[in-house]
Amino acid sequence: MKKTLFFLGLFSVLVSCKNDAKPQVEETAKKAETTERTAKQSDGLIMMNGNFIYYDGAAVLQTPNDMYLVINDEKMLELNEQVKAYKKLDTDMVPVTIRGKVTPKPENEEGWAFRVAIKEIVSIKAPSPEDNDVIKLGN
């Protein structure tokens, strides 16, 4: 009986000691996480990968999960000029990586649920010929 109480007491002491060390490690990790963030991570912009198209005055960024209206500004026009080198047709979509600010659309407007204002063009890639899902109607 004494041995059982001794081991039970020893076990409870060991378990309670393990819990004391854990919060200190978590606090240290949180401090390191906040101090190691770069300026780009703290500026509120989102890195987005998707297919970009500008046609007939409207620009769209199609990501794997959503579609975004791209706000027509200088950066969007700059991206469109850079993308033209990779297009065969005006309706071709080109894979891009951008950093931008996402905002919801106003309630009184039609269109995509979110808008993105391009703040930085990170990269542009040539479209993959295997991903060409366009059906052309011809004579």
N, C-alpha and C. Protein backbone atom coordinates (compact mmCIF):
# COMPACT_ATOMS: atom_id res chain seq x y z
N MET A 1 0.82 -1.18 0.00
CA MET A 1 0.00 0.00 0.00
C MET A 1 0.87 1.26 0.00
N LYS A 2 1.95 1.25 0.84
CA LYS A 2 2.83 2.40 0.89
C LYS A 2 3.54 2.60 -0.45
N LYS A 3 3.92 1.48 -1.09
CA LYS A 3 4.59 1.58 -2.39
C LYS A 3 3.65 2.18 -3.44
N THR A 4 2.40 1.79 -3.39
CA THR A 4 1.43 2.30 -4.36
C THR A 4 1.24 3.80 -4.18
N LEU A 5 1.12 4.24 -2.92
CA LEU A 5 0.96 5.67 -2.66
C LEU A 5 2.22 6.43 -3.06
N PHE A 6 3.39 5.85 -2.81
CA PHE A 6 4.65 6.48 -3.18
C PHE A 6 4.73 6.67 -4.70
N PHE A 7 4.43 5.61 -5.47
CA PHE A 7 4.50 5.70 -6.92
C PHE A 7 3.42 6.65 -7.48
N LEU A 8 2.26 6.64 -6.85
CA LEU A 8 1.20 7.54 -7.28
C LEU A 8 1.61 9.00 -7.04
N GLY A 9 2.21 9.27 -5.90
CA GLY A 9 2.70 10.62 -5.60
C GLY A 9 3.82 11.03 -6.54
N LEU A 10 4.75 10.12 -6.81
CA LEU A 10 5.86 10.39 -7.72
C LEU A 10 5.33 10.68 -9.13
N PHE A 11 4.37 9.88 -9.57
CA PHE A 11 3.78 10.06 -10.90
C PHE A 11 3.10 11.44 -11.02
N SER A 12 2.35 11.83 -9.97
CA SER A 12 1.66 13.12 -10.03
C SER A 12 2.65 14.28 -10.03
N VAL A 13 3.77 14.14 -9.32
CA VAL A 13 4.79 15.19 -9.33
C VAL A 13 5.42 15.30 -10.71
N LEU A 14 5.73 14.18 -11.34
CA LEU A 14 6.33 14.21 -12.67
C LEU A 14 5.38 14.80 -13.71
N VAL A 15 4.12 14.44 -13.63
CA VAL A 15 3.15 14.96 -14.60
C VAL A 15 2.97 16.46 -14.42
N SER A 16 2.92 16.93 -13.19
CA SER A 16 2.73 18.37 -12.96
C SER A 16 3.97 19.15 -13.38
N CYS A 17 5.14 18.59 -13.30
CA CYS A 17 6.36 19.27 -13.73
C CYS A 17 6.39 19.43 -15.24
N LYS A 18 5.89 18.47 -15.98
CA LYS A 18 5.88 18.56 -17.43
C LYS A 18 5.00 19.71 -17.90
N ASN A 19 3.92 19.97 -17.24
CA ASN A 19 3.02 21.04 -17.65
C ASN A 19 3.63 22.41 -17.41
N ASP A 20 4.51 22.56 -16.43
CA ASP A 20 5.13 23.85 -16.14
C ASP A 20 6.09 24.26 -17.25
N ALA A 21 6.81 23.34 -17.83
CA ALA A 21 7.80 23.67 -18.86
C ALA A 21 7.14 24.03 -20.18
N LYS A 22 6.00 23.51 -20.46
CA LYS A 22 5.34 23.69 -21.75
C LYS A 22 4.94 25.15 -22.01
N PRO A 23 4.31 25.86 -21.08
CA PRO A 23 3.92 27.24 -21.36
C PRO A 23 5.12 28.14 -21.66
N GLN A 24 6.26 27.90 -21.04
CA GLN A 24 7.44 28.72 -21.31
C GLN A 24 7.90 28.54 -22.75
N VAL A 25 7.86 27.32 -23.25
CA VAL A 25 8.26 27.05 -24.63
C VAL A 25 7.29 27.73 -25.59
N GLU A 26 5.98 27.65 -25.29
CA GLU A 26 4.98 28.28 -26.15
C GLU A 26 5.14 29.79 -26.17
N GLU A 27 5.42 30.41 -25.02
CA GLU A 27 5.61 31.85 -24.97
C GLU A 27 6.84 32.26 -25.77
N THR A 28 7.91 31.50 -25.67
CA THR A 28 9.12 31.78 -26.42
C THR A 28 8.86 31.66 -27.92
N ALA A 29 8.11 30.65 -28.32
CA ALA A 29 7.79 30.46 -29.73
C ALA A 29 6.94 31.61 -30.26
N LYS A 30 5.98 32.09 -29.46
CA LYS A 30 5.14 33.20 -29.89
C LYS A 30 5.97 34.47 -30.06
N LYS A 31 6.89 34.73 -29.13
CA LYS A 31 7.74 35.91 -29.24
C LYS A 31 8.61 35.83 -30.48
N ALA A 32 9.19 34.67 -30.74
CA ALA A 32 10.04 34.50 -31.91
C ALA A 32 9.24 34.66 -33.19
N GLU A 33 8.01 34.17 -33.18
CA GLU A 33 7.16 34.26 -34.38
C GLU A 33 6.84 35.71 -34.72
N THR A 34 6.54 36.52 -33.72
CA THR A 34 6.18 37.90 -33.99
C THR A 34 7.40 38.75 -34.35
N THR A 35 8.55 38.47 -33.77
CA THR A 35 9.73 39.28 -34.07
C THR A 35 10.38 38.89 -35.38
N GLU A 36 10.18 37.66 -35.85
CA GLU A 36 10.81 37.23 -37.08
C GLU A 36 9.98 37.52 -38.33
N ARG A 37 8.81 38.09 -38.19
CA ARG A 37 7.99 38.41 -39.35
C ARG A 37 8.66 39.54 -40.13
N THR A 38 8.67 39.38 -41.43
CA THR A 38 9.27 40.42 -42.26
C THR A 38 8.25 41.51 -42.53
N ALA A 39 8.72 42.59 -43.12
CA ALA A 39 7.82 43.69 -43.45
C ALA A 39 6.77 43.25 -44.46
N LYS A 40 7.15 42.38 -45.40
CA LYS A 40 6.20 41.90 -46.41
C LYS A 40 5.11 41.06 -45.77
N GLN A 41 5.41 40.32 -44.73
CA GLN A 41 4.40 39.49 -44.07
C GLN A 41 3.45 40.33 -43.23
N SER A 42 3.85 41.50 -42.85
CA SER A 42 3.04 42.33 -41.96
C SER A 42 2.30 43.45 -42.69
N ASP A 43 2.41 43.51 -44.02
CA ASP A 43 1.80 44.63 -44.74
C ASP A 43 0.35 44.41 -45.12
N GLY A 44 -0.24 43.26 -44.80
CA GLY A 44 -1.65 43.01 -45.07
C GLY A 44 -1.95 42.53 -46.47
N LEU A 45 -0.94 42.33 -47.30
CA LEU A 45 -1.16 41.86 -48.67
C LEU A 45 -1.12 40.34 -48.70
N ILE A 46 -1.80 39.77 -49.71
CA ILE A 46 -1.90 38.32 -49.84
C ILE A 46 -1.19 37.88 -51.12
N MET A 47 -0.40 36.82 -51.01
CA MET A 47 0.24 36.22 -52.19
C MET A 47 -0.80 35.34 -52.86
N MET A 48 -0.99 35.53 -54.17
CA MET A 48 -2.00 34.78 -54.89
C MET A 48 -1.41 34.19 -56.17
N ASN A 49 -1.70 32.90 -56.41
CA ASN A 49 -1.32 32.23 -57.65
C ASN A 49 -2.59 31.94 -58.42
N GLY A 50 -2.57 32.22 -59.71
CA GLY A 50 -3.76 31.94 -60.51
C GLY A 50 -3.54 32.28 -61.96
N ASN A 51 -4.61 32.13 -62.73
CA ASN A 51 -4.58 32.44 -64.16
C ASN A 51 -5.20 33.81 -64.37
N PHE A 52 -4.47 34.66 -65.10
CA PHE A 52 -4.90 36.03 -65.34
C PHE A 52 -5.37 36.19 -66.77
N ILE A 53 -6.46 36.94 -66.94
CA ILE A 53 -6.94 37.30 -68.27
C ILE A 53 -7.47 38.72 -68.23
N TYR A 54 -7.16 39.48 -69.29
CA TYR A 54 -7.73 40.81 -69.48
C TYR A 54 -8.32 40.82 -70.87
N TYR A 55 -9.64 40.98 -70.94
CA TYR A 55 -10.32 40.93 -72.23
C TYR A 55 -11.50 41.88 -72.20
N ASP A 56 -11.60 42.69 -73.22
CA ASP A 56 -12.74 43.59 -73.40
C ASP A 56 -12.97 44.49 -72.17
N GLY A 57 -11.87 45.01 -71.60
CA GLY A 57 -11.97 45.96 -70.51
C GLY A 57 -12.16 45.37 -69.13
N ALA A 58 -12.18 44.04 -69.01
CA ALA A 58 -12.36 43.40 -67.70
C ALA A 58 -11.19 42.45 -67.44
N ALA A 59 -10.69 42.49 -66.21
CA ALA A 59 -9.58 41.61 -65.82
C ALA A 59 -10.05 40.68 -64.72
N VAL A 60 -9.65 39.40 -64.83
CA VAL A 60 -10.05 38.38 -63.86
C VAL A 60 -8.82 37.57 -63.46
N LEU A 61 -8.74 37.21 -62.20
CA LEU A 61 -7.73 36.29 -61.70
C LEU A 61 -8.46 35.05 -61.19
N GLN A 62 -8.18 33.91 -61.84
CA GLN A 62 -8.82 32.64 -61.45
C GLN A 62 -7.82 31.84 -60.63
N THR A 63 -8.12 31.65 -59.35
CA THR A 63 -7.29 30.82 -58.48
C THR A 63 -7.93 29.44 -58.40
N PRO A 64 -7.26 28.46 -57.79
CA PRO A 64 -7.87 27.13 -57.69
C PRO A 64 -9.21 27.13 -56.93
N ASN A 65 -9.42 28.10 -56.04
CA ASN A 65 -10.63 28.10 -55.21
C ASN A 65 -11.65 29.16 -55.59
N ASP A 66 -11.22 30.30 -56.10
CA ASP A 66 -12.13 31.42 -56.35
C ASP A 66 -11.73 32.17 -57.61
N MET A 67 -12.63 33.07 -58.01
CA MET A 67 -12.35 33.99 -59.10
C MET A 67 -12.46 35.40 -58.54
N TYR A 68 -11.54 36.26 -58.95
CA TYR A 68 -11.47 37.62 -58.43
C TYR A 68 -11.51 38.61 -59.59
N LEU A 69 -12.28 39.67 -59.43
CA LEU A 69 -12.22 40.79 -60.34
C LEU A 69 -10.94 41.55 -60.01
N VAL A 70 -10.13 41.84 -61.02
CA VAL A 70 -8.90 42.59 -60.79
C VAL A 70 -9.21 44.06 -61.04
N ILE A 71 -8.92 44.90 -60.07
CA ILE A 71 -9.21 46.32 -60.18
C ILE A 71 -8.33 46.92 -61.28
N ASN A 72 -8.97 47.68 -62.16
CA ASN A 72 -8.29 48.27 -63.31
C ASN A 72 -7.49 49.49 -62.86
N ASP A 73 -6.17 49.30 -62.70
CA ASP A 73 -5.28 50.38 -62.31
C ASP A 73 -3.95 50.21 -63.04
N GLU A 74 -2.94 51.00 -62.67
CA GLU A 74 -1.65 50.95 -63.36
C GLU A 74 -0.98 49.59 -63.25
N LYS A 75 -1.04 48.96 -62.09
CA LYS A 75 -0.40 47.64 -61.91
C LYS A 75 -1.08 46.58 -62.75
N MET A 76 -2.40 46.64 -62.88
CA MET A 76 -3.11 45.67 -63.70
C MET A 76 -2.72 45.85 -65.16
N LEU A 77 -2.62 47.10 -65.62
CA LEU A 77 -2.21 47.35 -67.01
C LEU A 77 -0.77 46.91 -67.24
N GLU A 78 0.09 47.11 -66.24
CA GLU A 78 1.48 46.65 -66.33
C GLU A 78 1.53 45.12 -66.43
N LEU A 79 0.74 44.44 -65.62
CA LEU A 79 0.68 42.98 -65.69
C LEU A 79 0.16 42.53 -67.05
N ASN A 80 -0.85 43.20 -67.57
CA ASN A 80 -1.39 42.83 -68.88
C ASN A 80 -0.33 42.98 -69.97
N GLU A 81 0.47 44.03 -69.92
CA GLU A 81 1.54 44.20 -70.92
C GLU A 81 2.57 43.08 -70.83
N GLN A 82 2.92 42.66 -69.62
CA GLN A 82 3.89 41.59 -69.44
C GLN A 82 3.32 40.24 -69.87
N VAL A 83 2.03 40.05 -69.69
CA VAL A 83 1.37 38.78 -70.02
C VAL A 83 1.21 38.61 -71.53
N LYS A 84 1.13 39.70 -72.28
CA LYS A 84 0.92 39.63 -73.73
C LYS A 84 1.97 38.78 -74.44
N ALA A 85 3.18 38.73 -73.91
CA ALA A 85 4.24 37.94 -74.52
C ALA A 85 3.94 36.44 -74.49
N TYR A 86 3.11 36.00 -73.57
CA TYR A 86 2.81 34.57 -73.42
C TYR A 86 1.49 34.16 -74.08
N LYS A 87 0.72 35.11 -74.57
CA LYS A 87 -0.59 34.81 -75.15
C LYS A 87 -0.48 34.52 -76.64
N LYS A 88 -1.23 33.52 -77.10
CA LYS A 88 -1.39 33.27 -78.52
C LYS A 88 -2.68 33.93 -79.02
N LEU A 89 -3.71 33.85 -78.20
CA LEU A 89 -5.00 34.48 -78.49
C LEU A 89 -5.33 35.46 -77.38
N ASP A 90 -6.20 36.40 -77.67
CA ASP A 90 -6.60 37.38 -76.65
C ASP A 90 -7.30 36.73 -75.46
N THR A 91 -7.90 35.57 -75.68
CA THR A 91 -8.66 34.90 -74.61
C THR A 91 -7.83 33.90 -73.81
N ASP A 92 -6.52 33.82 -74.06
CA ASP A 92 -5.67 32.90 -73.30
C ASP A 92 -5.46 33.41 -71.88
N MET A 93 -5.46 32.48 -70.93
CA MET A 93 -5.18 32.80 -69.53
C MET A 93 -3.73 32.43 -69.24
N VAL A 94 -3.03 33.27 -68.49
CA VAL A 94 -1.61 33.07 -68.21
C VAL A 94 -1.41 32.93 -66.70
N PRO A 95 -0.64 31.91 -66.27
CA PRO A 95 -0.37 31.74 -64.83
C PRO A 95 0.51 32.87 -64.29
N VAL A 96 0.07 33.47 -63.21
CA VAL A 96 0.81 34.57 -62.58
C VAL A 96 0.82 34.38 -61.07
N THR A 97 1.77 35.03 -60.44
CA THR A 97 1.82 35.13 -58.98
C THR A 97 1.90 36.62 -58.66
N ILE A 98 0.96 37.07 -57.85
CA ILE A 98 0.91 38.49 -57.48
C ILE A 98 0.75 38.62 -55.98
N ARG A 99 1.01 39.81 -55.49
CA ARG A 99 0.65 40.16 -54.11
C ARG A 99 -0.36 41.28 -54.23
N GLY A 100 -1.46 41.14 -53.50
CA GLY A 100 -2.50 42.15 -53.62
C GLY A 100 -3.38 42.23 -52.39
N LYS A 101 -4.28 43.19 -52.45
CA LYS A 101 -5.23 43.40 -51.35
C LYS A 101 -6.60 42.97 -51.83
N VAL A 102 -7.21 42.03 -51.11
CA VAL A 102 -8.52 41.49 -51.46
C VAL A 102 -9.60 42.22 -50.66
N THR A 103 -10.64 42.65 -51.38
CA THR A 103 -11.77 43.32 -50.75
C THR A 103 -13.07 42.72 -51.29
N PRO A 104 -14.13 42.72 -50.49
CA PRO A 104 -15.42 42.23 -51.02
C PRO A 104 -16.01 43.27 -51.97
N LYS A 105 -16.81 42.80 -52.91
CA LYS A 105 -17.45 43.73 -53.86
C LYS A 105 -18.58 44.47 -53.14
N PRO A 106 -18.90 45.67 -53.60
CA PRO A 106 -20.05 46.37 -53.02
C PRO A 106 -21.34 45.60 -53.27
N GLU A 107 -22.28 45.70 -52.37
CA GLU A 107 -23.53 44.94 -52.46
C GLU A 107 -24.37 45.31 -53.67
N ASN A 108 -24.27 46.54 -54.14
CA ASN A 108 -25.13 46.97 -55.24
C ASN A 108 -24.54 46.66 -56.62
N GLU A 109 -23.42 45.96 -56.69
CA GLU A 109 -22.80 45.63 -57.97
C GLU A 109 -22.92 44.15 -58.27
N GLU A 110 -22.92 43.84 -59.57
CA GLU A 110 -22.91 42.45 -60.00
C GLU A 110 -21.47 42.03 -60.23
N GLY A 111 -21.25 40.73 -60.26
CA GLY A 111 -19.91 40.24 -60.57
C GLY A 111 -19.38 39.31 -59.50
N TRP A 112 -18.07 39.13 -59.53
CA TRP A 112 -17.41 38.22 -58.60
C TRP A 112 -17.54 38.74 -57.17
N ALA A 113 -17.51 37.82 -56.23
CA ALA A 113 -17.72 38.17 -54.82
C ALA A 113 -16.58 39.01 -54.24
N PHE A 114 -15.36 38.86 -54.80
CA PHE A 114 -14.21 39.58 -54.26
C PHE A 114 -13.46 40.30 -55.37
N ARG A 115 -12.77 41.36 -54.97
CA ARG A 115 -11.90 42.11 -55.86
C ARG A 115 -10.48 42.03 -55.34
N VAL A 116 -9.53 42.15 -56.24
CA VAL A 116 -8.13 42.20 -55.82
C VAL A 116 -7.46 43.39 -56.50
N ALA A 117 -6.75 44.17 -55.70
CA ALA A 117 -5.95 45.27 -56.22
C ALA A 117 -4.50 44.80 -56.22
N ILE A 118 -3.89 44.73 -57.39
CA ILE A 118 -2.51 44.24 -57.50
C ILE A 118 -1.57 45.30 -56.97
N LYS A 119 -0.71 44.89 -56.05
CA LYS A 119 0.29 45.79 -55.48
C LYS A 119 1.70 45.42 -55.94
N GLU A 120 1.92 44.13 -56.26
CA GLU A 120 3.24 43.67 -56.69
C GLU A 120 3.08 42.48 -57.62
N ILE A 121 3.83 42.50 -58.73
CA ILE A 121 3.85 41.38 -59.66
C ILE A 121 5.07 40.54 -59.29
N VAL A 122 4.83 39.31 -58.84
CA VAL A 122 5.92 38.45 -58.37
C VAL A 122 6.50 37.65 -59.53
N SER A 123 5.65 36.94 -60.29
CA SER A 123 6.16 36.15 -61.41
C SER A 123 5.06 35.90 -62.43
N ILE A 124 5.52 35.61 -63.65
CA ILE A 124 4.64 35.25 -64.76
C ILE A 124 5.24 34.02 -65.41
N LYS A 125 4.40 33.02 -65.68
CA LYS A 125 4.88 31.78 -66.29
C LYS A 125 4.17 31.57 -67.62
N ALA A 126 4.83 30.83 -68.49
CA ALA A 126 4.21 30.48 -69.76
C ALA A 126 3.10 29.47 -69.51
N PRO A 127 1.97 29.61 -70.21
CA PRO A 127 0.88 28.65 -70.03
C PRO A 127 1.30 27.26 -70.48
N SER A 128 0.84 26.25 -69.78
CA SER A 128 1.13 24.87 -70.13
C SER A 128 0.22 24.44 -71.27
N PRO A 129 0.76 23.86 -72.35
CA PRO A 129 -0.09 23.42 -73.46
C PRO A 129 -1.06 22.31 -73.05
N GLU A 130 -0.73 21.54 -72.01
CA GLU A 130 -1.62 20.47 -71.54
C GLU A 130 -2.87 21.02 -70.87
N ASP A 131 -2.80 22.24 -70.35
CA ASP A 131 -3.93 22.83 -69.65
C ASP A 131 -4.87 23.61 -70.57
N ASN A 132 -4.70 23.49 -71.86
CA ASN A 132 -5.53 24.22 -72.81
C ASN A 132 -6.87 23.52 -72.96
N ASP A 133 -7.88 23.98 -72.24
CA ASP A 133 -9.21 23.36 -72.24
C ASP A 133 -10.20 24.13 -73.11
N VAL A 134 -9.71 24.81 -74.13
CA VAL A 134 -10.56 25.63 -74.98
C VAL A 134 -11.11 24.80 -76.12
N ILE A 135 -12.40 24.94 -76.36
CA ILE A 135 -13.04 24.28 -77.50
C ILE A 135 -13.26 25.34 -78.56
N LYS A 136 -12.71 25.12 -79.75
CA LYS A 136 -12.85 26.08 -80.84
C LYS A 136 -13.85 25.55 -81.85
N LEU A 137 -14.75 26.42 -82.26
CA LEU A 137 -15.73 26.08 -83.28
C LEU A 137 -15.25 26.67 -84.60
N GLY A 138 -15.22 25.89 -85.62
CA GLY A 138 -14.74 26.38 -86.90
C GLY A 138 -15.55 25.83 -88.04
N ASN A 139 -15.26 26.32 -89.23
CA ASN A 139 -15.96 25.87 -90.43
C ASN A 139 -15.36 24.60 -90.96
